Amino acid sequence: MAETNLKRTLTGTVVSDKMDKTVTVLVERKVKHPLLGKILRVSKKYHAHDENNEFRQGDLVTIEECRPLAKTKAWRVAKLVEKAQAA
């Protein structure tokens, strides 16, 4: 039987890399307001595990769900989508 990847994945921008082995990822999604019909941008921040401290602020990354690694951390950075522009 082929194993399927049942882990949820999200794509977002790293907004903080100040912690050790942890990055904060801002995930934005577009939601239609139920009554008004207007498209709203809803954002949420997730703490994600970054084992080698390789991701920097501004990087676009994909995170995947994993077992709880800390009180607020239950996501792991899966891959780098786009590197941040150097200032």
Protein backbone atom coordinates (compact mmCIF):
# COMPACT_ATOMS: atom_id res chain seq x y z
CA MET A 1 0.00 0.00 0.00
CA ALA A 2 1.44 3.36 -1.03
CA GLU A 3 1.96 5.81 1.81
CA THR A 4 0.29 9.17 1.32
CA ASN A 5 1.45 12.43 2.86
CA LEU A 6 -1.44 13.46 5.14
CA LYS A 7 0.42 16.39 6.66
CA ARG A 8 -1.08 19.83 6.08
CA THR A 9 1.21 22.29 4.30
CA LEU A 10 1.06 26.08 4.22
CA THR A 11 3.14 28.71 2.41
CA GLY A 12 4.15 31.96 4.05
CA THR A 13 6.82 34.56 4.71
CA VAL A 14 9.37 34.42 7.53
CA VAL A 15 8.78 37.52 9.67
CA SER A 16 11.15 36.66 12.56
CA ASP A 17 14.27 34.51 12.87
CA LYS A 18 15.48 35.78 16.24
CA MET A 19 14.79 32.56 18.15
CA ASP A 20 17.12 29.56 18.17
CA LYS A 21 15.94 26.80 15.79
CA THR A 22 12.57 28.54 15.35
CA VAL A 23 11.17 30.96 12.77
CA THR A 24 7.86 32.82 12.79
CA VAL A 25 5.98 32.40 9.51
CA LEU A 26 3.14 34.73 8.45
CA VAL A 27 0.55 32.89 6.34
CA GLU A 28 -1.98 35.01 4.45
CA ARG A 29 -5.14 33.66 2.88
CA LYS A 30 -8.04 35.30 1.07
CA VAL A 31 -11.53 34.72 2.48
CA LYS A 32 -14.86 35.93 1.14
CA HIS A 33 -16.97 37.73 3.76
CA PRO A 34 -20.14 35.66 4.31
CA LEU A 35 -22.57 38.58 4.20
CA LEU A 36 -20.88 41.38 2.27
CA GLY A 37 -19.09 39.22 -0.28
CA LYS A 38 -15.92 41.29 -0.03
CA ILE A 39 -12.60 39.45 -0.32
CA LEU A 40 -10.59 39.87 2.89
CA ARG A 41 -6.95 39.08 3.59
CA VAL A 42 -6.74 37.00 6.76
CA SER A 43 -3.30 36.35 8.24
CA LYS A 44 -1.97 34.12 10.99
CA LYS A 45 1.50 33.57 12.43
CA TYR A 46 2.93 30.11 13.07
CA HIS A 47 6.10 29.09 14.90
CA ALA A 48 8.00 26.59 12.77
CA HIS A 49 11.04 24.43 13.54
CA ASP A 50 14.23 25.40 11.67
CA GLU A 51 16.88 22.87 12.76
CA ASN A 52 19.95 24.58 11.21
CA ASN A 53 18.88 28.23 11.55
CA GLU A 54 19.12 28.52 7.75
CA PHE A 55 16.02 30.61 6.99
CA ARG A 56 16.10 34.41 7.21
CA GLN A 57 13.53 37.18 7.50
CA GLY A 58 11.70 37.76 4.21
CA ASP A 59 12.16 34.20 2.86
CA LEU A 60 9.10 32.53 1.32
CA VAL A 61 8.84 29.02 2.82
CA THR A 62 6.54 26.02 2.95
CA ILE A 63 5.77 24.63 6.41
CA GLU A 64 4.27 21.25 7.26
CA GLU A 65 2.41 20.02 10.30
CA CYS A 66 4.31 17.76 12.73
CA ARG A 67 4.12 16.57 16.31
CA PRO A 68 4.28 19.28 19.00
CA LEU A 69 7.92 20.31 19.45
CA ALA A 70 7.26 23.03 22.05
CA LYS A 71 4.34 24.76 23.73
CA THR A 72 3.58 26.88 20.64
CA LYS A 73 5.49 25.00 17.93
CA ALA A 74 3.85 22.18 15.94
CA TRP A 75 5.08 23.01 12.42
CA ARG A 76 8.35 22.27 10.60
CA VAL A 77 9.86 24.22 7.69
CA ALA A 78 9.64 21.83 4.72
CA LYS A 79 11.41 23.81 2.00
CA LEU A 80 12.52 27.21 0.78
CA VAL A 81 10.32 28.55 -2.05
CA GLU A 82 12.03 31.90 -2.63
CA LYS A 83 15.03 33.60 -1.01
CA ALA A 84 14.57 37.14 0.40
CA GLN A 85 15.90 40.04 -1.68
CA ALA A 86 19.24 41.28 -0.33
CA ALA A 87 19.02 44.87 0.93
